[in-house]
Amino acid sequence: MPRKNLLSLHESIVIALININPKTRTETFQEVEDFIIERNFSPIRDGNIPLSEQIMLRSKKSSSRYLYLFEQLNETTIRLRNVHCK
């Protein structure tokens, strides 16, 4: 039986972007997907949507709750926005 996800997908994306390329926090959807799969951050996913597409939807869908975290730079690349905590 697969283990329950300990992180949400948007948390996994943030960790991937910070670890893959800490200076720019920019990477392709495929690299983020590979990072998440390699570390088994998201073994259980809803629906039949590929992980890379789910990552893309989190970064570009206008109704996404996570637009404050991510921006899509082009068709294949995502960046972590500068988020300042008070």
C-alpha atoms as a PDB file:
ATOM      1  CA  MET A   1       0.000   0.000   0.000  1.00  0.00           C
ATOM      2  CA  PRO A   2       1.449   3.436  -0.935  1.00  0.00           C
ATOM      3  CA  ARG A   3       2.189   5.773   1.908  1.00  0.00           C
ATOM      4  CA  LYS A   4       0.118   8.902   2.385  1.00  0.00           C
ATOM      5  CA  ASN A   5       1.628  12.084   0.952  1.00  0.00           C
ATOM      6  CA  LEU A   6       3.446  13.961   3.690  1.00  0.00           C
ATOM      7  CA  LEU A   7       3.664  17.116   1.573  1.00  0.00           C
ATOM      8  CA  SER A   8       1.110  18.784  -0.631  1.00  0.00           C
ATOM      9  CA  LEU A   9       2.038  19.158  -4.281  1.00  0.00           C
ATOM     10  CA  HIS A  10       2.688  22.898  -4.019  1.00  0.00           C
ATOM     11  CA  GLU A  11       4.996  22.292  -1.039  1.00  0.00           C
ATOM     12  CA  SER A  12       6.857  19.654  -3.048  1.00  0.00           C
ATOM     13  CA  ILE A  13       7.252  22.088  -5.952  1.00  0.00           C
ATOM     14  CA  VAL A  14       8.707  24.751  -3.652  1.00  0.00           C
ATOM     15  CA  ILE A  15      11.223  22.288  -2.205  1.00  0.00           C
ATOM     16  CA  ALA A  16      12.200  21.140  -5.691  1.00  0.00           C
ATOM     17  CA  LEU A  17      12.743  24.685  -6.985  1.00  0.00           C
ATOM     18  CA  ILE A  18      14.821  25.668  -3.960  1.00  0.00           C
ATOM     19  CA  ASN A  19      16.986  22.544  -4.152  1.00  0.00           C
ATOM     20  CA  ILE A  20      17.471  22.110  -7.895  1.00  0.00           C
ATOM     21  CA  ASN A  21      18.529  25.663  -8.633  1.00  0.00           C
ATOM     22  CA  PRO A  22      18.839  27.689  -5.412  1.00  0.00           C
ATOM     23  CA  LYS A  23      20.119  30.894  -7.054  1.00  0.00           C
ATOM     24  CA  THR A  24      17.324  31.443  -9.556  1.00  0.00           C
ATOM     25  CA  ARG A  25      14.710  29.000  -8.187  1.00  0.00           C
ATOM     26  CA  THR A  26      13.812  28.342 -11.822  1.00  0.00           C
ATOM     27  CA  GLU A  27      13.476  24.970 -13.517  1.00  0.00           C
ATOM     28  CA  THR A  28      11.576  23.032 -16.142  1.00  0.00           C
ATOM     29  CA  PHE A  29       8.383  21.231 -15.249  1.00  0.00           C
ATOM     30  CA  GLN A  30      10.093  17.970 -16.182  1.00  0.00           C
ATOM     31  CA  GLU A  31      13.014  18.564 -13.787  1.00  0.00           C
ATOM     32  CA  VAL A  32      10.605  19.444 -10.974  1.00  0.00           C
ATOM     33  CA  GLU A  33       8.596  16.311 -11.726  1.00  0.00           C
ATOM     34  CA  ASP A  34      11.758  14.171 -11.727  1.00  0.00           C
ATOM     35  CA  PHE A  35      12.853  15.645  -8.383  1.00  0.00           C
ATOM     36  CA  ILE A  36       9.454  14.959  -6.784  1.00  0.00           C
ATOM     37  CA  ILE A  37       9.266  11.405  -8.142  1.00  0.00           C
ATOM     38  CA  GLU A  38      12.866  10.582  -7.217  1.00  0.00           C
ATOM     39  CA  ARG A  39      12.212  11.545  -3.613  1.00  0.00           C
ATOM     40  CA  ASN A  40       8.749   9.970  -3.561  1.00  0.00           C
ATOM     41  CA  PHE A  41       7.163  13.206  -2.314  1.00  0.00           C
ATOM     42  CA  SER A  42       3.857  12.564  -4.053  1.00  0.00           C
ATOM     43  CA  PRO A  43       3.161   8.834  -4.392  1.00  0.00           C
ATOM     44  CA  ILE A  44      -0.623   9.300  -4.284  1.00  0.00           C
ATOM     45  CA  ARG A  45      -2.241  11.630  -6.812  1.00  0.00           C
ATOM     46  CA  ASP A  46      -5.853  12.245  -7.722  1.00  0.00           C
ATOM     47  CA  GLY A  47      -7.091  11.600 -11.236  1.00  0.00           C
ATOM     48  CA  ASN A  48      -5.173  10.554 -14.295  1.00  0.00           C
ATOM     49  CA  ILE A  49      -3.386  13.859 -14.857  1.00  0.00           C
ATOM     50  CA  PRO A  50       0.395  13.458 -15.306  1.00  0.00           C
ATOM     51  CA  LEU A  51       2.455  15.021 -12.533  1.00  0.00           C
ATOM     52  CA  SER A  52       4.176  17.485 -14.878  1.00  0.00           C
ATOM     53  CA  GLU A  53       0.766  18.742 -16.008  1.00  0.00           C
ATOM     54  CA  GLN A  54      -0.385  19.106 -12.401  1.00  0.00           C
ATOM     55  CA  ILE A  55       2.733  21.155 -11.703  1.00  0.00           C
ATOM     56  CA  MET A  56       2.011  23.341 -14.715  1.00  0.00           C
ATOM     57  CA  LEU A  57      -1.593  23.873 -13.619  1.00  0.00           C
ATOM     58  CA  ARG A  58      -0.417  25.024 -10.188  1.00  0.00           C
ATOM     59  CA  SER A  59       1.753  27.677 -11.798  1.00  0.00           C
ATOM     60  CA  LYS A  60      -0.420  29.091 -14.554  1.00  0.00           C
ATOM     61  CA  LYS A  61      -4.108  28.466 -14.064  1.00  0.00           C
ATOM     62  CA  SER A  62      -5.651  31.852 -13.397  1.00  0.00           C
ATOM     63  CA  SER A  63      -7.921  30.415 -10.728  1.00  0.00           C
ATOM     64  CA  SER A  64      -5.021  28.678  -8.990  1.00  0.00           C
ATOM     65  CA  ARG A  65      -4.610  29.451  -5.309  1.00  0.00           C
ATOM     66  CA  TYR A  66      -0.849  29.206  -5.783  1.00  0.00           C
ATOM     67  CA  LEU A  67      -0.173  32.026  -8.246  1.00  0.00           C
ATOM     68  CA  TYR A  68       1.417  33.991  -5.413  1.00  0.00           C
ATOM     69  CA  LEU A  69       4.067  31.225  -5.187  1.00  0.00           C
ATOM     70  CA  PHE A  70       4.834  30.419  -8.813  1.00  0.00           C
ATOM     71  CA  GLU A  71       5.116  32.017 -12.192  1.00  0.00           C
ATOM     72  CA  GLN A  72       5.388  30.264 -15.504  1.00  0.00           C
ATOM     73  CA  LEU A  73       8.177  31.794 -17.586  1.00  0.00           C
ATOM     74  CA  ASN A  74       7.447  29.893 -20.787  1.00  0.00           C
ATOM     75  CA  GLU A  75       5.844  26.640 -21.915  1.00  0.00           C
ATOM     76  CA  THR A  76       8.377  24.487 -20.053  1.00  0.00           C
ATOM     77  CA  THR A  77       9.736  26.575 -17.178  1.00  0.00           C
ATOM     78  CA  ILE A  78       8.486  27.557 -13.732  1.00  0.00           C
ATOM     79  CA  ARG A  79       9.970  29.953 -11.176  1.00  0.00           C
ATOM     80  CA  LEU A  80       9.357  30.435  -7.487  1.00  0.00           C
ATOM     81  CA  ARG A  81       8.221  33.987  -6.856  1.00  0.00           C
ATOM     82  CA  ASN A  82       9.894  36.081  -4.187  1.00  0.00           C
ATOM     83  CA  VAL A  83       7.581  35.686  -1.241  1.00  0.00           C
ATOM     84  CA  HIS A  84       8.277  37.863   1.764  1.00  0.00           C
ATOM     85  CA  CYS A  85       6.874  36.787   5.110  1.00  0.00           C
ATOM     86  CA  LYS A  86       6.016  39.329   7.757  1.00  0.00           C
END
